[in-house]
C-alpha atoms as a PDB file:
ATOM      1  CA  ASP A   1     -15.673  10.506  -1.439  1.00  0.00           C
ATOM      2  CA  LYS A   2     -16.217  13.458  -3.803  1.00  0.00           C
ATOM      3  CA  LEU A   3     -12.671  12.906  -5.032  1.00  0.00           C
ATOM      4  CA  ILE A   4     -13.204   9.327  -5.654  1.00  0.00           C
ATOM      5  CA  ALA A   5     -16.634   9.665  -7.200  1.00  0.00           C
ATOM      6  CA  ALA A   6     -14.931  12.236  -9.621  1.00  0.00           C
ATOM      7  CA  ARG A   7     -11.986  10.234 -10.328  1.00  0.00           C
ATOM      8  CA  THR A   8     -14.200   7.090 -11.144  1.00  0.00           C
ATOM      9  CA  ALA A   9     -16.216   9.267 -13.357  1.00  0.00           C
ATOM     10  CA  ALA A  10     -13.344  10.464 -15.246  1.00  0.00           C
ATOM     11  CA  PHE A  11     -11.885   7.039 -15.547  1.00  0.00           C
ATOM     12  CA  ASN A  12     -15.024   5.880 -16.945  1.00  0.00           C
ATOM     13  CA  ALA A  13     -14.979   8.450 -19.640  1.00  0.00           C
ATOM     14  CA  ALA A  14     -11.270   7.817 -20.242  1.00  0.00           C
ATOM     15  CA  LYS A  15      -9.256   5.857 -23.036  1.00  0.00           C
ATOM     16  CA  PRO A  16      -6.554   4.656 -20.562  1.00  0.00           C
ATOM     17  CA  ASP A  17      -3.309   3.171 -21.836  1.00  0.00           C
ATOM     18  CA  THR A  18      -2.503  -0.138 -19.995  1.00  0.00           C
ATOM     19  CA  ALA A  19       1.123  -0.030 -21.027  1.00  0.00           C
ATOM     20  CA  ARG A  20       1.544   3.461 -19.357  1.00  0.00           C
ATOM     21  CA  GLY A  21      -0.285   2.071 -16.462  1.00  0.00           C
ATOM     22  CA  GLU A  22       2.284  -0.523 -15.868  1.00  0.00           C
ATOM     23  CA  ALA A  23       5.072   1.799 -15.860  1.00  0.00           C
ATOM     24  CA  VAL A  24       3.149   3.960 -13.308  1.00  0.00           C
ATOM     25  CA  PHE A  25       2.677   0.778 -11.109  1.00  0.00           C
ATOM     26  CA  ILE A  26       6.544  -0.206 -11.337  1.00  0.00           C
ATOM     27  CA  THR A  27       7.504   3.429 -10.364  1.00  0.00           C
ATOM     28  CA  ASN A  28       4.732   4.185  -7.676  1.00  0.00           C
ATOM     29  CA  CYS A  29       3.710   0.677  -6.235  1.00  0.00           C
ATOM     30  CA  ALA A  30       6.125  -1.836  -6.965  1.00  0.00           C
ATOM     31  CA  PRO A  31       8.399  -0.557  -4.252  1.00  0.00           C
ATOM     32  CA  CYS A  32       5.887  -1.840  -1.626  1.00  0.00           C
ATOM     33  CA  HIS A  33       3.379  -4.283  -3.698  1.00  0.00           C
ATOM     34  CA  SER A  34       3.766  -7.080  -5.914  1.00  0.00           C
ATOM     35  CA  ILE A  35       1.538  -8.342  -8.746  1.00  0.00           C
ATOM     36  CA  ASP A  36       1.992 -11.244 -11.100  1.00  0.00           C
ATOM     37  CA  GLY A  37       5.333 -12.258  -9.150  1.00  0.00           C
ATOM     38  CA  LYS A  38       6.933  -8.542  -9.678  1.00  0.00           C
ATOM     39  CA  GLY A  39       7.434  -5.930  -7.103  1.00  0.00           C
ATOM     40  CA  ALA A  40       8.196  -5.906  -3.039  1.00  0.00           C
ATOM     41  CA  ILE A  41       6.247  -7.653  -0.363  1.00  0.00           C
ATOM     42  CA  VAL A  42       6.127  -4.934   2.112  1.00  0.00           C
ATOM     43  CA  GLY A  43       2.432  -4.091   1.557  1.00  0.00           C
ATOM     44  CA  PRO A  44      -0.422  -6.344   0.204  1.00  0.00           C
ATOM     45  CA  GLN A  45       0.316  -8.546  -2.669  1.00  0.00           C
ATOM     46  CA  LEU A  46      -2.142  -7.595  -5.507  1.00  0.00           C
ATOM     47  CA  ASP A  47      -2.710 -10.399  -7.755  1.00  0.00           C
ATOM     48  CA  GLY A  48      -6.537 -10.544  -8.700  1.00  0.00           C
ATOM     49  CA  ILE A  49      -6.869  -6.912  -7.470  1.00  0.00           C
ATOM     50  CA  GLY A  50      -9.068  -6.152 -10.765  1.00  0.00           C
ATOM     51  CA  ASN A  51     -11.860  -7.650  -9.336  1.00  0.00           C
ATOM     52  CA  ARG A  52     -12.575  -4.746  -7.185  1.00  0.00           C
ATOM     53  CA  GLY A  53     -13.360  -2.318  -9.866  1.00  0.00           C
ATOM     54  CA  ALA A  54     -12.564   1.100 -10.419  1.00  0.00           C
ATOM     55  CA  ALA A  55     -14.356   2.994  -7.651  1.00  0.00           C
ATOM     56  CA  ARG A  56     -12.924   0.506  -5.025  1.00  0.00           C
ATOM     57  CA  LEU A  57      -9.539   0.598  -6.504  1.00  0.00           C
ATOM     58  CA  LEU A  58      -9.497   4.484  -6.333  1.00  0.00           C
ATOM     59  CA  GLU A  59     -10.853   4.187  -2.723  1.00  0.00           C
ATOM     60  CA  ASP A  60      -7.992   1.974  -1.819  1.00  0.00           C
ATOM     61  CA  ILE A  61      -5.427   4.132  -3.360  1.00  0.00           C
ATOM     62  CA  LEU A  62      -6.484   7.630  -2.534  1.00  0.00           C
ATOM     63  CA  ASP A  63      -7.834   6.916   1.046  1.00  0.00           C
ATOM     64  CA  PRO A  64      -5.566   3.852   2.143  1.00  0.00           C
ATOM     65  CA  SER A  65      -6.314   3.950   5.540  1.00  0.00           C
ATOM     66  CA  ARG A  66     -10.111   3.675   5.249  1.00  0.00           C
ATOM     67  CA  ASN A  67     -10.327  -0.460   4.840  1.00  0.00           C
ATOM     68  CA  VAL A  68      -6.685  -1.179   5.907  1.00  0.00           C
ATOM     69  CA  ASP A  69      -6.141  -4.697   6.842  1.00  0.00           C
ATOM     70  CA  SER A  70      -4.762  -5.431  10.428  1.00  0.00           C
ATOM     71  CA  HIS A  71      -1.739  -6.971   8.993  1.00  0.00           C
ATOM     72  CA  PHE A  72      -0.717  -3.533   7.247  1.00  0.00           C
ATOM     73  CA  ARG A  73      -1.538  -0.979  10.143  1.00  0.00           C
ATOM     74  CA  LEU A  74       1.284   1.060  10.858  1.00  0.00           C
ATOM     75  CA  HIS A  75       3.109   0.541  14.226  1.00  0.00           C
ATOM     76  CA  ILE A  76       4.883   3.402  16.207  1.00  0.00           C
ATOM     77  CA  ILE A  77       7.365   1.352  18.500  1.00  0.00           C
ATOM     78  CA  THR A  78       9.231   3.282  21.137  1.00  0.00           C
ATOM     79  CA  LYS A  79      12.310   1.805  22.639  1.00  0.00           C
ATOM     80  CA  LYS A  80      13.303   2.190  26.199  1.00  0.00           C
ATOM     81  CA  ASP A  81      16.477   3.870  24.933  1.00  0.00           C
ATOM     82  CA  GLY A  82      14.142   6.616  23.357  1.00  0.00           C
ATOM     83  CA  GLY A  83      14.726   5.280  19.633  1.00  0.00           C
ATOM     84  CA  VAL A  84      11.416   4.975  17.448  1.00  0.00           C
ATOM     85  CA  PHE A  85      10.541   2.502  14.782  1.00  0.00           C
ATOM     86  CA  ALA A  86       7.732   3.073  12.332  1.00  0.00           C
ATOM     87  CA  GLY A  87       6.581   0.298  10.193  1.00  0.00           C
ATOM     88  CA  LEU A  88       4.542  -2.982  10.100  1.00  0.00           C
ATOM     89  CA  GLU A  89       4.677  -5.949  12.380  1.00  0.00           C
ATOM     90  CA  ARG A  90       5.580  -9.060  10.585  1.00  0.00           C
ATOM     91  CA  GLY A  91       5.903 -11.683  13.499  1.00  0.00           C
ATOM     92  CA  GLU A  92       7.846 -12.752  16.246  1.00  0.00           C
ATOM     93  CA  ALA A  93      10.903 -15.004  16.766  1.00  0.00           C
ATOM     94  CA  GLY A  94      11.505 -15.931  20.249  1.00  0.00           C
ATOM     95  CA  GLN A  95      12.098 -12.618  22.121  1.00  0.00           C
ATOM     96  CA  LEU A  96      12.115 -10.673  18.908  1.00  0.00           C
ATOM     97  CA  LEU A  97       9.657  -8.513  17.218  1.00  0.00           C
ATOM     98  CA  ILE A  98      10.210  -8.670  13.611  1.00  0.00           C
ATOM     99  CA  CYS A  99       9.283  -5.416  11.619  1.00  0.00           C
ATOM    100  CA  VAL A 100       9.485  -3.805   8.462  1.00  0.00           C
ATOM    101  CA  ASP A 101       9.738  -0.219   7.471  1.00  0.00           C
ATOM    102  CA  ALA A 102       8.438   1.593   4.443  1.00  0.00           C
ATOM    103  CA  ALA A 103      11.576   0.786   2.282  1.00  0.00           C
ATOM    104  CA  GLY A 104      11.133  -2.957   3.091  1.00  0.00           C
ATOM    105  CA  LYS A 105      14.189  -3.168   5.524  1.00  0.00           C
ATOM    106  CA  GLU A 106      13.442  -5.635   8.165  1.00  0.00           C
ATOM    107  CA  THR A 107      14.227  -4.885  11.834  1.00  0.00           C
ATOM    108  CA  ARG A 108      14.190  -7.358  14.645  1.00  0.00           C
ATOM    109  CA  ILE A 109      13.620  -5.548  17.871  1.00  0.00           C
ATOM    110  CA  PRO A 110      14.023  -7.325  21.410  1.00  0.00           C
ATOM    111  CA  LYS A 111      10.924  -7.372  23.249  1.00  0.00           C
ATOM    112  CA  SER A 112      12.521  -6.333  26.652  1.00  0.00           C
ATOM    113  CA  GLU A 113      13.696  -3.254  24.743  1.00  0.00           C
ATOM    114  CA  ILE A 114      10.038  -1.976  23.791  1.00  0.00           C
ATOM    115  CA  ALA A 115       8.670   0.678  25.783  1.00  0.00           C
ATOM    116  CA  THR A 116       5.363   1.164  23.995  1.00  0.00           C
ATOM    117  CA  ASN A 117       4.108  -0.312  20.737  1.00  0.00           C
ATOM    118  CA  GLU A 118       1.056   1.666  19.284  1.00  0.00           C
ATOM    119  CA  GLU A 119      -1.065   0.290  16.402  1.00  0.00           C
ATOM    120  CA  THR A 120      -2.403   3.499  14.737  1.00  0.00           C
ATOM    121  CA  GLY A 121      -5.056   2.119  12.699  1.00  0.00           C
ATOM    122  CA  LEU A 122      -3.466   4.027   9.647  1.00  0.00           C
ATOM    123  CA  SER A 123      -1.943   2.383   6.551  1.00  0.00           C
ATOM    124  CA  LEU A 124       1.824   2.672   5.753  1.00  0.00           C
ATOM    125  CA  MET A 125       0.665   3.461   2.325  1.00  0.00           C
ATOM    126  CA  PRO A 126       0.951   7.326   1.675  1.00  0.00           C
ATOM    127  CA  ALA A 127      -2.329   9.141   1.392  1.00  0.00           C
ATOM    128  CA  ALA A 128      -1.026  11.795  -1.075  1.00  0.00           C
ATOM    129  CA  PHE A 129      -1.357   9.796  -4.300  1.00  0.00           C
ATOM    130  CA  ALA A 130      -4.045  12.162  -5.512  1.00  0.00           C
ATOM    131  CA  GLN A 131      -1.584  15.064  -5.513  1.00  0.00           C
ATOM    132  CA  SER A 132       1.465  12.966  -6.602  1.00  0.00           C
ATOM    133  CA  ILE A 133       0.064  11.061  -9.522  1.00  0.00           C
ATOM    134  CA  PRO A 134      -1.456  13.101 -12.340  1.00  0.00           C
ATOM    135  CA  GLN A 135      -4.987  12.222 -13.270  1.00  0.00           C
ATOM    136  CA  ASP A 136      -4.248  10.688 -16.544  1.00  0.00           C
ATOM    137  CA  ASP A 137      -1.517   8.233 -14.916  1.00  0.00           C
ATOM    138  CA  MET A 138      -4.062   7.151 -12.360  1.00  0.00           C
ATOM    139  CA  GLN A 139      -6.706   6.481 -15.324  1.00  0.00           C
ATOM    140  CA  ASN A 140      -3.866   4.299 -16.808  1.00  0.00           C
ATOM    141  CA  LEU A 141      -2.774   2.725 -13.652  1.00  0.00           C
ATOM    142  CA  LEU A 142      -6.291   1.695 -12.939  1.00  0.00           C
ATOM    143  CA  ALA A 143      -6.781   0.129 -16.446  1.00  0.00           C
ATOM    144  CA  TRP A 144      -3.995  -1.805 -15.939  1.00  0.00           C
ATOM    145  CA  LEU A 145      -4.937  -2.982 -12.290  1.00  0.00           C
ATOM    146  CA  ILE A 146      -8.274  -3.991 -13.662  1.00  0.00           C
ATOM    147  CA  GLU A 147      -6.680  -6.173 -16.232  1.00  0.00           C
ATOM    148  CA  HIS A 148      -5.462  -8.306 -13.284  1.00  0.00           C
ATOM    149  CA  ARG A 149      -8.765  -9.653 -12.375  1.00  0.00           C
ATOM    150  CA  THR A 150      -7.336 -13.231 -11.681  1.00  0.00           C
ATOM    151  CA  ALA A 151      -4.065 -14.375 -10.307  1.00  0.00           C
ATOM    152  CA  ARG A 152      -1.742 -15.241 -13.229  1.00  0.00           C
END
C-alpha cells in the first residue's frame, strides 16, 4: 500500500509522456492484454480501463493478485503422468479442458489425464513490475491508460 501511495503521489506530480506510455504498453502489457483491438487476449481486455484512475491502476499493476477476477486466476494442473501445466482455464470441449499459458499458447488436456487442478487465487500477471518498469515509464503508462476511459 505504501508503494502504491508513493507511486500515485509521484504520478500526480509528474508530466508524463503518453506516446512513451503507449510504447511501454506495447512492450510490457500487450503480450497478454489488448486495448483498442491491439494486443493479446491472455489477460483481461483493457478497453475503458482509464475509468479506474491512477491509484486503482497502480494497485492492479503492482499487486495484480489483490483483486484478480476468477477467470484470470492461475491454475496448477498436475497430470497423472507427472506433467504439470500452469496457466488459465479457458473452458471445456467435451472431455477436454482448454487452457492457455502465459505466452498465450493454448493447451487441451484430456480430463481423464488430470490428477489435480489447483486454483491458486493468484494472477498470471507477474507481480514484479515495480522493479521491472522504471518509475517514469510507469507514469507514462498510467497516463496512456487513463486516456482510455471509454472503449473506442
